Protein backbone atom coordinates (compact mmCIF):
# COMPACT_ATOMS: atom_id res chain seq x y z
CA MET A 1 42.87 213.85 -69.31
CA THR A 2 44.99 211.85 -66.85
CA THR A 3 48.74 212.21 -67.32
CA VAL A 4 50.48 208.85 -67.18
CA GLU A 5 53.93 209.08 -65.62
CA ARG A 6 56.71 207.05 -67.25
CA LEU A 7 59.02 205.31 -64.80
CA PRO A 8 62.49 203.98 -65.69
CA ALA A 9 62.74 200.26 -64.98
CA ALA A 10 65.48 200.81 -62.38
CA LEU A 11 63.34 203.28 -60.45
CA ALA A 12 60.35 200.92 -60.53
CA ARG A 13 62.60 198.18 -59.18
CA ARG A 14 63.76 200.41 -56.30
CA ILE A 15 60.18 201.44 -55.55
CA ALA A 16 59.15 197.78 -55.36
CA LEU A 17 62.06 196.96 -53.05
CA GLY A 18 61.36 199.97 -50.86
CA ALA A 19 57.70 199.04 -50.50
CA GLN A 20 58.74 195.55 -49.42
CA GLY A 21 61.01 196.89 -46.68
CA PHE A 22 64.45 196.69 -48.30
CA ALA A 23 65.26 200.41 -48.41
CA GLU A 24 66.12 200.67 -44.72
CA PRO A 25 69.19 199.12 -43.10
CA ARG A 26 68.66 196.23 -40.75
CA PRO A 27 68.15 197.42 -37.16
CA ALA A 28 71.27 197.86 -35.06
CA VAL A 29 69.30 197.02 -31.91
CA PRO A 30 67.78 193.64 -31.00
CA VAL A 31 64.57 192.98 -32.91
CA GLY A 32 61.38 192.33 -30.91
CA THR A 33 57.63 192.27 -31.41
CA ARG A 34 57.40 196.00 -32.16
CA GLN A 35 59.57 195.75 -35.28
CA LEU A 36 57.87 192.51 -36.30
CA ARG A 37 54.42 194.08 -36.01
CA ARG A 38 55.52 197.01 -38.14
CA LEU A 39 56.88 194.63 -40.77
CA THR A 40 53.79 192.40 -40.88
CA ASP A 41 51.57 195.47 -41.12
CA ARG A 42 53.66 196.64 -44.05
CA LEU A 43 53.65 193.34 -45.94
CA GLY A 44 50.08 192.36 -45.08
CA ILE A 45 50.83 188.65 -45.54
CA LEU A 46 53.36 186.07 -44.39
CA GLN A 47 52.81 182.97 -46.50
CA ILE A 48 52.90 179.66 -44.65
CA ASP A 49 54.42 176.49 -46.06
CA SER A 50 55.07 173.17 -44.37
CA VAL A 51 58.45 172.44 -46.01
CA ASN A 52 61.09 172.52 -43.27
CA VAL A 53 64.29 171.52 -45.08
CA LEU A 54 65.71 174.93 -44.13
CA SER A 55 63.14 176.76 -42.01
CA ARG A 56 59.39 177.19 -41.94
CA SER A 57 58.92 179.77 -44.66
CA HIS A 58 57.00 182.37 -42.62
CA TYR A 59 60.05 182.94 -40.41
CA LEU A 60 62.30 183.91 -43.33
CA PRO A 61 60.83 187.23 -44.58
CA ALA A 62 61.51 188.91 -41.23
CA PHE A 63 65.08 187.61 -41.22
CA SER A 64 65.54 188.82 -44.80
CA ARG A 65 64.56 192.36 -43.84
CA LEU A 66 65.48 192.68 -40.15
CA GLY A 67 68.31 190.20 -39.71
CA PRO A 68 68.57 187.81 -36.76
CA TYR A 69 65.54 187.95 -34.47
CA PRO A 70 63.99 185.59 -31.93
CA ARG A 71 61.53 183.38 -33.74
CA GLU A 72 59.49 183.05 -30.58
CA ALA A 73 58.72 186.78 -30.89
CA LEU A 74 56.98 186.12 -34.21
CA ASP A 75 55.21 183.09 -32.72
CA ALA A 76 53.91 185.34 -29.94
CA LEU A 77 52.16 187.62 -32.44
CA SER A 78 49.91 184.75 -33.50
CA ASN A 79 49.90 182.40 -30.49
CA GLN A 80 49.63 184.75 -27.51
CA ARG A 81 49.08 188.34 -28.61
CA HIS A 82 46.83 187.39 -31.54
CA THR A 83 47.82 190.44 -33.55
CA LEU A 84 48.22 188.00 -36.46
CA PHE A 85 45.63 185.45 -37.51
CA GLU A 86 45.78 182.57 -39.94
CA TYR A 87 43.64 182.31 -43.05
CA TRP A 88 43.64 181.51 -46.76
CA ALA A 89 44.78 184.80 -48.33
CA HIS A 90 47.56 184.42 -50.91
CA GLU A 91 47.85 180.81 -49.84
CA ALA A 92 47.72 179.73 -46.19
CA SER A 93 48.99 182.86 -44.49
CA PHE A 94 49.46 184.84 -41.32
CA LEU A 95 47.83 188.27 -41.60
CA PRO A 96 47.34 191.32 -39.35
CA VAL A 97 44.03 190.93 -37.52
CA ARG A 98 42.80 194.23 -38.93
CA LEU A 99 42.25 192.37 -42.23
CA HIS A 100 39.86 189.82 -40.70
CA PRO A 101 36.69 191.80 -41.49
CA PHE A 102 37.88 192.31 -45.06
CA LEU A 103 38.11 188.56 -45.68
CA ARG A 104 34.67 187.65 -44.34
CA TRP A 105 33.20 187.83 -47.85
CA ARG A 106 35.53 184.96 -48.78
CA MET A 107 34.41 183.03 -45.72
CA ALA A 108 30.78 183.52 -46.78
CA ALA A 109 31.53 182.52 -50.38
CA VAL A 110 32.98 179.16 -49.38
CA GLN A 111 31.13 177.24 -52.11
CA GLN A 112 32.82 179.39 -54.79
CA GLU A 113 36.17 180.06 -53.10
CA ALA A 114 37.06 176.75 -51.41
CA TRP A 115 38.08 173.52 -53.10
CA GLY A 116 36.39 170.17 -53.52
CA SER A 117 37.16 168.10 -50.44
CA MET A 118 35.99 170.86 -48.09
CA THR A 119 32.69 171.56 -49.78
CA ARG A 120 32.10 167.89 -50.49
CA VAL A 121 32.21 166.86 -46.84
CA GLN A 122 29.75 169.62 -45.95
CA ARG A 123 27.45 168.62 -48.80
CA GLU A 124 27.57 164.87 -48.07
CA ARG A 125 27.92 164.84 -44.26
CA PRO A 126 26.58 168.11 -42.84
CA GLU A 127 25.70 166.48 -39.53
CA TYR A 128 29.33 165.37 -39.09
CA VAL A 129 30.62 168.89 -39.72
CA ALA A 130 28.13 170.31 -37.24
CA ALA A 131 29.13 167.70 -34.65
CA LEU A 132 32.80 168.66 -34.94
CA LEU A 133 31.94 172.32 -34.43
CA GLU A 134 29.95 171.41 -31.35
CA ARG A 135 32.83 169.30 -30.06
CA VAL A 136 35.20 172.25 -30.27
CA ARG A 137 32.60 174.49 -28.65
CA SER A 138 32.08 172.13 -25.71
CA GLU A 139 35.50 170.46 -25.30
CA GLY A 140 37.97 173.10 -26.49
CA PRO A 141 40.73 173.28 -29.13
CA LEU A 142 41.06 170.34 -31.49
CA ARG A 143 43.70 168.98 -33.89
CA ALA A 144 42.83 166.85 -36.89
CA SER A 145 45.17 164.10 -35.61
CA GLN A 146 43.01 163.75 -32.48
CA LEU A 147 40.15 162.44 -34.61
CA GLN A 148 42.08 159.22 -35.34
CA GLU A 149 40.46 158.76 -38.71
CA GLU A 150 42.11 156.78 -41.47
CA ARG A 151 43.60 158.87 -44.25
CA PRO A 152 42.61 157.94 -47.80
CA ASN A 153 45.22 156.16 -49.85
CA ARG A 154 46.06 158.73 -52.52
CA PRO A 155 49.83 158.49 -53.12
CA GLY A 156 51.42 161.70 -54.33
CA SER A 157 48.51 163.90 -53.32
CA MET A 158 49.26 167.09 -51.41
CA TRP A 159 45.77 167.13 -49.93
CA ASN A 160 45.55 163.61 -48.56
CA TRP A 161 42.93 164.58 -45.97
CA HIS A 162 40.60 162.32 -44.06
CA ALA A 163 36.98 163.43 -43.62
CA GLY A 164 37.66 164.99 -40.21
CA LYS A 165 40.49 167.16 -41.54
CA ALA A 166 38.33 168.24 -44.49
CA ALA A 167 35.48 169.12 -42.12
CA LEU A 168 37.74 171.15 -39.84
CA GLU A 169 39.17 172.94 -42.87
CA TYR A 170 35.65 173.72 -44.07
CA LEU A 171 34.84 175.28 -40.70
CA PHE A 172 38.17 177.13 -40.79
CA PHE A 173 37.45 178.46 -44.27
CA THR A 174 33.98 179.69 -43.26
CA GLY A 175 35.42 181.43 -40.19
CA GLU A 176 33.38 179.33 -37.75
CA LEU A 177 36.73 178.06 -36.48
CA THR A 178 40.12 179.72 -36.50
CA ALA A 179 43.66 178.60 -35.71
CA SER A 180 44.65 179.21 -32.11
CA ARG A 181 48.25 178.12 -32.75
CA ARG A 182 50.49 175.64 -34.53
CA THR A 183 52.01 172.69 -32.71
CA ALA A 184 55.73 171.92 -32.66
CA GLY A 185 55.01 169.58 -35.58
CA PHE A 186 53.27 172.45 -37.38
CA GLU A 187 49.79 171.02 -37.04
CA ARG A 188 46.98 173.55 -36.95
CA VAL A 189 45.00 173.73 -33.70
CA TYR A 190 41.38 174.76 -34.30
CA ASP A 191 39.27 176.76 -31.86
CA LEU A 192 36.34 179.17 -31.79
CA PRO A 193 37.18 182.69 -33.00
CA GLU A 194 35.75 184.25 -29.82
CA ARG A 195 38.34 182.34 -27.77
CA VAL A 196 41.22 183.46 -29.99
CA LEU A 197 40.69 186.76 -31.79
CA PRO A 198 40.34 190.19 -30.14
CA ALA A 199 36.75 191.14 -29.35
CA GLU A 200 37.07 194.47 -31.13
CA ILE A 201 37.98 192.65 -34.35
CA LEU A 202 35.08 190.21 -34.11
CA ASP A 203 32.70 193.06 -33.26
CA ALA A 204 33.85 195.19 -36.19
CA PRO A 205 31.22 195.61 -38.93
CA THR A 206 31.50 193.31 -41.92
CA PRO A 207 32.18 195.37 -45.05
CA GLY A 208 30.43 194.56 -48.29
CA ARG A 209 32.47 192.65 -50.82
CA PRO A 210 33.32 195.71 -52.99
CA GLU A 211 34.61 197.67 -49.97
CA ALA A 212 36.54 194.66 -48.70
CA VAL A 213 38.19 194.03 -52.07
CA ARG A 214 39.16 197.70 -52.30
CA GLU A 215 40.94 197.42 -48.95
CA LEU A 216 42.75 194.27 -50.03
CA VAL A 217 43.89 195.93 -53.27
CA ARG A 218 44.91 199.02 -51.28
CA THR A 219 46.95 196.83 -48.94
CA ALA A 220 48.56 195.03 -51.88
CA SER A 221 49.41 198.34 -53.55
CA ARG A 222 51.19 199.62 -50.45
CA ALA A 223 53.13 196.36 -50.14
CA LEU A 224 54.13 196.27 -53.82
CA GLY A 225 54.76 199.95 -54.49
CA VAL A 226 54.29 199.69 -58.24
CA ALA A 227 52.35 196.83 -59.79
CA THR A 228 50.29 195.61 -62.71
CA GLU A 229 46.66 194.60 -62.33
CA THR A 230 47.77 190.95 -62.19
CA ASP A 231 50.27 191.73 -59.42
CA LEU A 232 47.62 193.52 -57.36
CA ARG A 233 45.02 190.79 -57.63
CA ASP A 234 47.51 187.96 -57.07
CA TYR A 235 48.56 189.31 -53.67
CA PHE A 236 45.26 188.19 -52.09
CA ARG A 237 44.22 185.86 -54.95
CA LEU A 238 41.30 188.04 -56.03
CA ALA A 239 39.00 187.41 -58.97
CA PRO A 240 39.89 189.51 -62.04
CA ALA A 241 36.54 191.31 -62.22
CA ASP A 242 36.62 192.21 -58.52
CA ALA A 243 40.19 193.48 -58.75
CA ARG A 244 39.57 195.56 -61.90
CA THR A 245 36.60 197.29 -60.32
CA ALA A 246 38.53 198.02 -57.12
CA ILE A 247 41.54 199.35 -59.06
CA ALA A 248 39.33 201.68 -61.09
CA GLU A 249 37.63 202.99 -57.95
CA LEU A 250 40.94 203.54 -56.14
CA ALA A 251 42.34 205.30 -59.20
CA ASP A 252 39.28 207.59 -59.36
CA ALA A 253 39.86 208.40 -55.66
CA GLY A 254 43.52 209.23 -56.29
CA GLU A 255 44.76 206.25 -54.27
CA LEU A 256 46.35 204.61 -57.30
CA GLN A 257 48.27 206.45 -60.00
CA PRO A 258 48.53 205.02 -63.53
CA VAL A 259 52.12 204.70 -64.75
CA GLU A 260 54.08 203.16 -67.58
CA VAL A 261 57.25 201.29 -66.63
CA ALA A 262 59.95 200.93 -69.26
CA GLY A 263 60.15 197.35 -70.47
CA TRP A 264 57.06 196.08 -68.66
CA GLY A 265 54.86 196.18 -71.74
CA ARG A 266 51.63 196.58 -69.80
CA PRO A 267 49.87 199.26 -67.73
CA ALA A 268 50.91 199.61 -64.10
CA TRP A 269 49.71 201.33 -60.95
CA LEU A 270 51.76 203.28 -58.45
CA ASP A 271 50.98 203.82 -54.78
CA PRO A 272 51.25 207.64 -54.64
CA ALA A 273 52.70 207.41 -51.13
CA ALA A 274 55.42 204.94 -52.15
CA ARG A 275 59.01 205.94 -51.48
CA ARG A 276 61.28 206.48 -54.46
CA PRO A 277 64.67 205.39 -53.11
CA ARG A 278 67.73 206.76 -54.89
CA TRP A 279 69.51 203.50 -54.14
CA ILE A 280 69.06 200.20 -52.32
CA ARG A 281 71.84 198.87 -50.10
CA THR A 282 70.97 195.39 -48.92
CA ARG A 283 72.26 191.83 -48.84
CA THR A 284 69.81 189.06 -48.15
CA LEU A 285 68.44 185.64 -49.02
CA LEU A 286 64.76 185.26 -49.90
CA SER A 287 62.38 182.43 -49.13
CA PRO A 288 60.74 180.92 -52.23
CA PHE A 289 57.47 182.08 -50.60
CA ASP A 290 58.57 185.64 -49.87
CA SER A 291 56.10 188.24 -51.14
CA LEU A 292 58.91 189.87 -53.14
CA VAL A 293 59.32 186.77 -55.33
CA TRP A 294 56.24 184.58 -54.99
CA GLU A 295 54.73 185.83 -58.29
CA ARG A 296 57.29 184.50 -60.75
CA PRO A 297 56.27 186.60 -63.81
CA ARG A 298 56.67 189.77 -61.69
CA VAL A 299 60.15 188.63 -60.62
CA GLU A 300 61.15 188.13 -64.24
CA ARG A 301 59.66 191.48 -65.25
CA ILE A 302 61.36 193.49 -62.49
CA PHE A 303 64.67 191.65 -62.05
CA SER A 304 65.15 189.77 -65.36
CA PHE A 305 65.48 186.72 -63.12
CA ARG A 306 63.78 183.48 -64.15
CA TYR A 307 62.78 181.66 -60.99
CA ARG A 308 60.90 178.38 -60.65
CA LEU A 309 60.19 176.27 -57.59
CA GLU A 310 61.57 172.78 -58.20
CA ILE A 311 60.43 171.03 -55.02
CA TYR A 312 57.98 168.92 -57.00
CA THR A 313 60.36 168.33 -59.92
CA PRO A 314 62.10 164.92 -59.97
CA ALA A 315 65.63 165.29 -58.61
CA GLU A 316 67.31 164.32 -61.88
CA LYS A 317 65.42 167.08 -63.73
CA ARG A 318 66.11 169.93 -61.32
CA VAL A 319 68.20 172.80 -62.68
CA HIS A 320 69.08 174.68 -59.50
CA GLY A 321 68.01 172.42 -56.63
CA TYR A 322 65.26 171.52 -54.19
CA TYR A 323 64.82 174.52 -51.85
CA VAL A 324 66.39 177.41 -53.73
CA LEU A 325 66.64 180.91 -52.29
CA PRO A 326 67.38 183.91 -54.54
CA PHE A 327 70.19 186.16 -53.32
CA LEU A 328 69.45 189.90 -53.36
CA LEU A 329 72.47 192.19 -53.44
CA ASP A 330 71.52 195.87 -53.45
CA ASP A 331 68.76 196.11 -56.08
CA ARG A 332 69.63 192.99 -58.10
CA LEU A 333 68.98 189.29 -57.80
CA VAL A 334 72.50 188.07 -58.48
CA GLY A 335 72.45 184.39 -57.60
CA ARG A 336 70.63 181.52 -55.94
CA VAL A 337 71.49 178.79 -53.47
CA ASP A 338 69.87 175.47 -52.64
CA LEU A 339 69.99 175.36 -48.84
CA LYS A 340 69.48 172.65 -46.25
CA ALA A 341 69.71 172.92 -42.48
CA ASP A 342 71.56 169.78 -41.42
CA ARG A 343 70.54 170.11 -37.79
CA LYS A 344 72.07 166.83 -36.68
CA ALA A 345 75.51 167.82 -38.00
CA GLY A 346 75.12 171.50 -37.03
CA VAL A 347 75.71 172.65 -40.62
CA LEU A 348 73.99 175.03 -43.00
CA ARG A 349 74.62 173.12 -46.18
CA VAL A 350 74.75 174.85 -49.57
CA GLN A 351 73.60 172.02 -51.82
CA ALA A 352 74.22 174.10 -54.95
CA ALA A 353 75.22 177.68 -55.74
CA HIS A 354 74.57 179.49 -59.00
CA ALA A 355 75.42 183.02 -60.15
CA GLU A 356 73.49 185.12 -62.63
CA GLU A 357 75.15 185.90 -65.92
CA GLY A 358 77.39 188.95 -65.95
CA VAL A 359 77.80 189.44 -62.19
CA ASP A 360 81.13 189.98 -60.43
CA ARG A 361 81.40 186.46 -59.04
CA PRO A 362 84.02 187.07 -56.29
CA VAL A 363 81.99 190.08 -55.03
CA VAL A 364 78.76 188.07 -55.07
CA ALA A 365 80.45 185.10 -53.37
CA ALA A 366 81.92 187.28 -50.60
CA ALA A 367 78.57 188.96 -49.86
CA LEU A 368 76.74 185.63 -50.03
CA ALA A 369 79.23 184.00 -47.65
CA ASP A 370 78.61 186.77 -45.10
CA GLU A 371 74.84 186.29 -45.39
CA LEU A 372 75.12 182.51 -45.06
CA ARG A 373 77.18 182.87 -41.89
CA LEU A 374 74.59 185.29 -40.51
CA MET A 375 71.75 182.90 -41.32
CA ALA A 376 73.61 179.92 -39.87
CA GLY A 377 74.17 181.79 -36.60
CA TRP A 378 70.48 182.77 -36.44
CA MET A 379 69.51 179.14 -36.95
CA GLY A 380 71.93 177.86 -34.32
CA LEU A 381 74.13 176.06 -36.85
CA PRO A 382 77.86 176.46 -36.12
CA ASP A 383 79.15 175.75 -39.63
CA VAL A 384 78.50 176.44 -43.32
CA ALA A 385 79.43 173.83 -45.93
CA VAL A 386 79.43 174.23 -49.70
CA VAL A 387 78.72 171.25 -51.93
CA GLU A 388 80.55 171.04 -55.28
CA ARG A 389 77.48 171.78 -57.36
CA GLY A 390 76.54 174.81 -59.46
CA ASP A 391 78.72 177.37 -61.21
CA LEU A 392 79.40 179.54 -58.14
CA TRP A 393 80.58 176.89 -55.68
CA PRO A 394 84.38 177.40 -56.16
CA GLU A 395 84.23 181.13 -55.38
CA LEU A 396 81.69 180.61 -52.60
CA SER A 397 83.73 177.84 -50.99
CA ARG A 398 86.79 180.09 -50.90
CA ALA A 399 84.75 182.97 -49.50
CA VAL A 400 83.23 180.80 -46.78
CA GLY A 401 86.73 179.57 -45.95
CA VAL A 402 86.03 175.86 -45.66
CA PRO A 403 86.95 172.98 -47.99
CA PRO A 404 84.15 172.08 -50.43
CA ASP A 405 81.82 169.25 -49.55
CA PRO A 406 81.97 166.67 -52.37
CA ALA A 407 78.54 165.32 -51.41
């Protein structure tokens, strides 16, 4: 009979933070590609998002864990070194190239895994899709904007793609094309995999779906430390049946350990190799798309922190703001700030600042002010300004040392 270990909630929280890279101090030496590779290997995914009110989201997880680093070093991992590749994993994501073979089953299952506009263009205009692939093969890398097709008039739609974009995305999803880079405007540049990805990756055998899903769950387990079944399958957006089978097989092999976490109310799985930190000493802001917080029910379960993305909420109905970053102090999420990089004015603007109930507000404000100054310097913004909005702005304004911005 398997003994199920019982973990205190605080220990589970520290295990989760340690697995995500928050148990070590930020490096005292300048950060380069070596540290970034180690971090991306550890996390397995950097989610991509096009919102740029503060920063492209995939740059922020490395700052959160490593502190200031040259963003061009992260760009080099995907654009020149090709140790990262782009694919649909959690959402659109950068991933270590070692995972490419383990996502080929998804590429092959495009009709089940992809969404309507992609599969529709292949179904209705297969000759057009084939012609675009041939164009890339014969003429080189291609951007959707080069096709000069008229976009459909669908106001409010996130996926307002013309047929050429849908066709390129279909070829990207199937793996017949990959992304060679992103432009300065963040547009994906499509090219043939053999002109982008390392030969040893492309030549690697393609695992069967069960083996591939096991590796994805294994990767998720290492990145999460301790997790429920839902947490494990959400990391790479796996089907429930696939994930359950993989979890059972990894548990039978001793690669996952069943545990009960106080207060979670559901079974959980521990990576047996996960560190069990005695404490966490950190101070950082987290992207809304950071892998520590992207699954909102997990955030609430681990941190008792209710977090919702309000980008698509009408402004008058927002509670905390447009682009809100949770603030992690040691092992607690103690506040949140709505941030905007006002590049023209050279200001990191705190549009709103809120504290969690019961925290020491002056302590939180002082630590948050230090982190905001660090982020502003990394982003090349000379000043930090605090808008008079939220329940933490008076303490934060004093800690930053500038008069509040009434805007």
